[in-house]
Amino acid sequence: MRSTVWVHELALTEQLAELDDEYDTLEYGDKTAAQIDAEVTAEARRLAAHPHVPTEPTDTPS
């Protein structure tokens, strides 16, 4: 169960991870740092507008 929760949470931030990768390849890509910054800001706002908070515990203590 725990791995499923982590995978789901990772899916929520997948776009941010992809944008982070774009910073790493900035000199080879066709976007400027400012363009990536704007995309990061837009994605962060999207996530903040729709927070994912489980209504029930997703993991039991061991």
N, C-alpha and C. Protein backbone atom coordinates (compact mmCIF):
# COMPACT_ATOMS: atom_id res chain seq x y z
N MET A 1 0.82 -1.19 0.00
CA MET A 1 0.00 0.00 0.00
C MET A 1 0.87 1.25 0.00
N ARG A 2 1.93 1.24 0.75
CA ARG A 2 2.76 2.43 0.87
C ARG A 2 3.31 2.87 -0.49
N SER A 3 3.79 1.94 -1.30
CA SER A 3 4.35 2.32 -2.59
C SER A 3 3.29 2.94 -3.49
N THR A 4 2.06 2.48 -3.40
CA THR A 4 0.98 3.05 -4.20
C THR A 4 0.75 4.51 -3.81
N VAL A 5 0.78 4.80 -2.53
CA VAL A 5 0.60 6.17 -2.08
C VAL A 5 1.71 7.06 -2.62
N TRP A 6 2.94 6.59 -2.50
CA TRP A 6 4.07 7.39 -2.99
C TRP A 6 3.98 7.62 -4.49
N VAL A 7 3.60 6.61 -5.24
CA VAL A 7 3.47 6.77 -6.69
C VAL A 7 2.42 7.81 -7.00
N HIS A 8 1.29 7.77 -6.30
CA HIS A 8 0.23 8.75 -6.54
C HIS A 8 0.72 10.16 -6.22
N GLU A 9 1.42 10.32 -5.10
CA GLU A 9 1.92 11.63 -4.74
C GLU A 9 2.97 12.11 -5.73
N LEU A 10 3.79 11.20 -6.24
CA LEU A 10 4.77 11.58 -7.25
C LEU A 10 4.10 12.03 -8.53
N ALA A 11 3.00 11.40 -8.88
CA ALA A 11 2.28 11.79 -10.10
C ALA A 11 1.79 13.23 -9.99
N LEU A 12 1.45 13.66 -8.79
CA LEU A 12 0.97 15.03 -8.60
C LEU A 12 2.05 16.06 -8.90
N THR A 13 3.30 15.69 -8.67
CA THR A 13 4.40 16.64 -8.86
C THR A 13 5.27 16.30 -10.07
N GLU A 14 4.80 15.38 -10.89
CA GLU A 14 5.58 14.95 -12.05
C GLU A 14 5.95 16.12 -12.97
N GLN A 15 5.02 17.02 -13.21
CA GLN A 15 5.30 18.16 -14.09
C GLN A 15 6.41 19.03 -13.52
N LEU A 16 6.42 19.23 -12.20
CA LEU A 16 7.49 20.02 -11.59
C LEU A 16 8.84 19.32 -11.76
N ALA A 17 8.85 18.00 -11.64
CA ALA A 17 10.09 17.25 -11.83
C ALA A 17 10.58 17.38 -13.27
N GLU A 18 9.66 17.34 -14.21
CA GLU A 18 10.05 17.50 -15.61
C GLU A 18 10.60 18.90 -15.87
N LEU A 19 9.99 19.89 -15.26
CA LEU A 19 10.48 21.26 -15.42
C LEU A 19 11.86 21.41 -14.78
N ASP A 20 12.09 20.74 -13.66
CA ASP A 20 13.40 20.76 -13.03
C ASP A 20 14.45 20.19 -13.99
N ASP A 21 14.08 19.14 -14.70
CA ASP A 21 15.00 18.56 -15.69
C ASP A 21 15.30 19.56 -16.80
N GLU A 22 14.33 20.39 -17.14
CA GLU A 22 14.56 21.39 -18.19
C GLU A 22 15.62 22.40 -17.77
N TYR A 23 15.66 22.73 -16.48
CA TYR A 23 16.73 23.61 -15.99
C TYR A 23 18.10 22.98 -16.23
N ASP A 24 18.18 21.67 -16.03
CA ASP A 24 19.45 20.96 -16.21
C ASP A 24 19.93 20.98 -17.66
N THR A 25 19.00 21.07 -18.59
CA THR A 25 19.36 21.06 -20.01
C THR A 25 19.08 22.40 -20.68
N LEU A 26 19.04 23.44 -19.89
CA LEU A 26 18.70 24.78 -20.39
C LEU A 26 19.55 25.21 -21.57
N GLU A 27 20.83 24.96 -21.52
CA GLU A 27 21.71 25.43 -22.59
C GLU A 27 21.49 24.67 -23.91
N TYR A 28 20.82 23.50 -23.84
CA TYR A 28 20.59 22.71 -25.05
C TYR A 28 19.17 22.84 -25.57
N GLY A 29 18.27 23.37 -24.76
CA GLY A 29 16.86 23.45 -25.14
C GLY A 29 16.52 24.75 -25.84
N ASP A 30 15.24 24.92 -26.09
CA ASP A 30 14.78 26.11 -26.79
C ASP A 30 14.03 27.09 -25.89
N LYS A 31 14.02 26.81 -24.57
CA LYS A 31 13.35 27.71 -23.63
C LYS A 31 14.38 28.51 -22.85
N THR A 32 13.93 29.69 -22.42
CA THR A 32 14.79 30.51 -21.55
C THR A 32 14.48 30.16 -20.10
N ALA A 33 15.36 30.56 -19.20
CA ALA A 33 15.12 30.34 -17.77
C ALA A 33 13.83 31.03 -17.34
N ALA A 34 13.58 32.20 -17.88
CA ALA A 34 12.35 32.93 -17.53
C ALA A 34 11.10 32.16 -17.96
N GLN A 35 11.15 31.51 -19.11
CA GLN A 35 10.00 30.72 -19.57
C GLN A 35 9.77 29.53 -18.64
N ILE A 36 10.84 28.87 -18.25
CA ILE A 36 10.70 27.73 -17.34
C ILE A 36 10.22 28.22 -15.99
N ASP A 37 10.74 29.34 -15.51
CA ASP A 37 10.29 29.92 -14.25
C ASP A 37 8.78 30.14 -14.28
N ALA A 38 8.28 30.69 -15.38
CA ALA A 38 6.85 30.96 -15.51
C ALA A 38 6.04 29.66 -15.48
N GLU A 39 6.55 28.62 -16.12
CA GLU A 39 5.86 27.33 -16.11
C GLU A 39 5.87 26.72 -14.71
N VAL A 40 6.98 26.85 -14.00
CA VAL A 40 7.07 26.34 -12.64
C VAL A 40 6.07 27.07 -11.75
N THR A 41 6.00 28.38 -11.88
CA THR A 41 5.06 29.17 -11.08
C THR A 41 3.62 28.77 -11.38
N ALA A 42 3.30 28.60 -12.65
CA ALA A 42 1.94 28.20 -13.02
C ALA A 42 1.59 26.82 -12.47
N GLU A 43 2.52 25.89 -12.54
CA GLU A 43 2.27 24.54 -12.03
C GLU A 43 2.14 24.56 -10.51
N ALA A 44 2.97 25.32 -9.83
CA ALA A 44 2.88 25.43 -8.37
C ALA A 44 1.53 26.03 -7.96
N ARG A 45 1.08 27.01 -8.70
CA ARG A 45 -0.23 27.61 -8.40
C ARG A 45 -1.36 26.62 -8.64
N ARG A 46 -1.23 25.81 -9.70
CA ARG A 46 -2.24 24.80 -9.99
C ARG A 46 -2.31 23.79 -8.84
N LEU A 47 -1.16 23.36 -8.36
CA LEU A 47 -1.13 22.40 -7.26
C LEU A 47 -1.69 23.02 -5.98
N ALA A 48 -1.36 24.27 -5.73
CA ALA A 48 -1.84 24.95 -4.52
C ALA A 48 -3.36 25.16 -4.56
N ALA A 49 -3.89 25.36 -5.74
CA ALA A 49 -5.32 25.58 -5.88
C ALA A 49 -6.13 24.30 -5.66
N HIS A 50 -5.49 23.15 -5.86
CA HIS A 50 -6.15 21.86 -5.70
C HIS A 50 -5.31 20.95 -4.82
N PRO A 51 -5.18 21.31 -3.54
CA PRO A 51 -4.33 20.49 -2.67
C PRO A 51 -4.90 19.09 -2.51
N HIS A 52 -4.01 18.14 -2.39
CA HIS A 52 -4.39 16.74 -2.19
C HIS A 52 -4.12 16.38 -0.74
N VAL A 53 -5.18 16.29 0.03
CA VAL A 53 -5.04 15.91 1.42
C VAL A 53 -5.90 14.67 1.63
N PRO A 54 -5.27 13.55 2.00
CA PRO A 54 -6.07 12.33 2.20
C PRO A 54 -7.09 12.54 3.33
N THR A 55 -8.28 12.01 3.13
CA THR A 55 -9.30 12.12 4.16
C THR A 55 -9.16 11.02 5.19
N GLU A 56 -8.44 9.96 4.84
CA GLU A 56 -8.20 8.87 5.76
C GLU A 56 -6.71 8.59 5.78
N PRO A 57 -6.22 8.00 6.87
CA PRO A 57 -4.79 7.64 6.88
C PRO A 57 -4.47 6.71 5.72
N THR A 58 -3.33 6.95 5.09
CA THR A 58 -2.95 6.12 3.94
C THR A 58 -1.92 5.07 4.30
N ASP A 59 -1.40 5.12 5.52
CA ASP A 59 -0.39 4.15 5.93
C ASP A 59 -0.60 3.86 7.41
N THR A 60 -0.49 2.60 7.76
CA THR A 60 -0.65 2.24 9.15
C THR A 60 0.71 2.16 9.81
N PRO A 61 0.84 2.65 11.03
CA PRO A 61 2.13 2.58 11.73
C PRO A 61 2.52 1.14 11.98
N SER A 62 3.81 0.87 11.92
CA SER A 62 4.25 -0.51 12.16
C SER A 62 4.82 -0.69 13.53
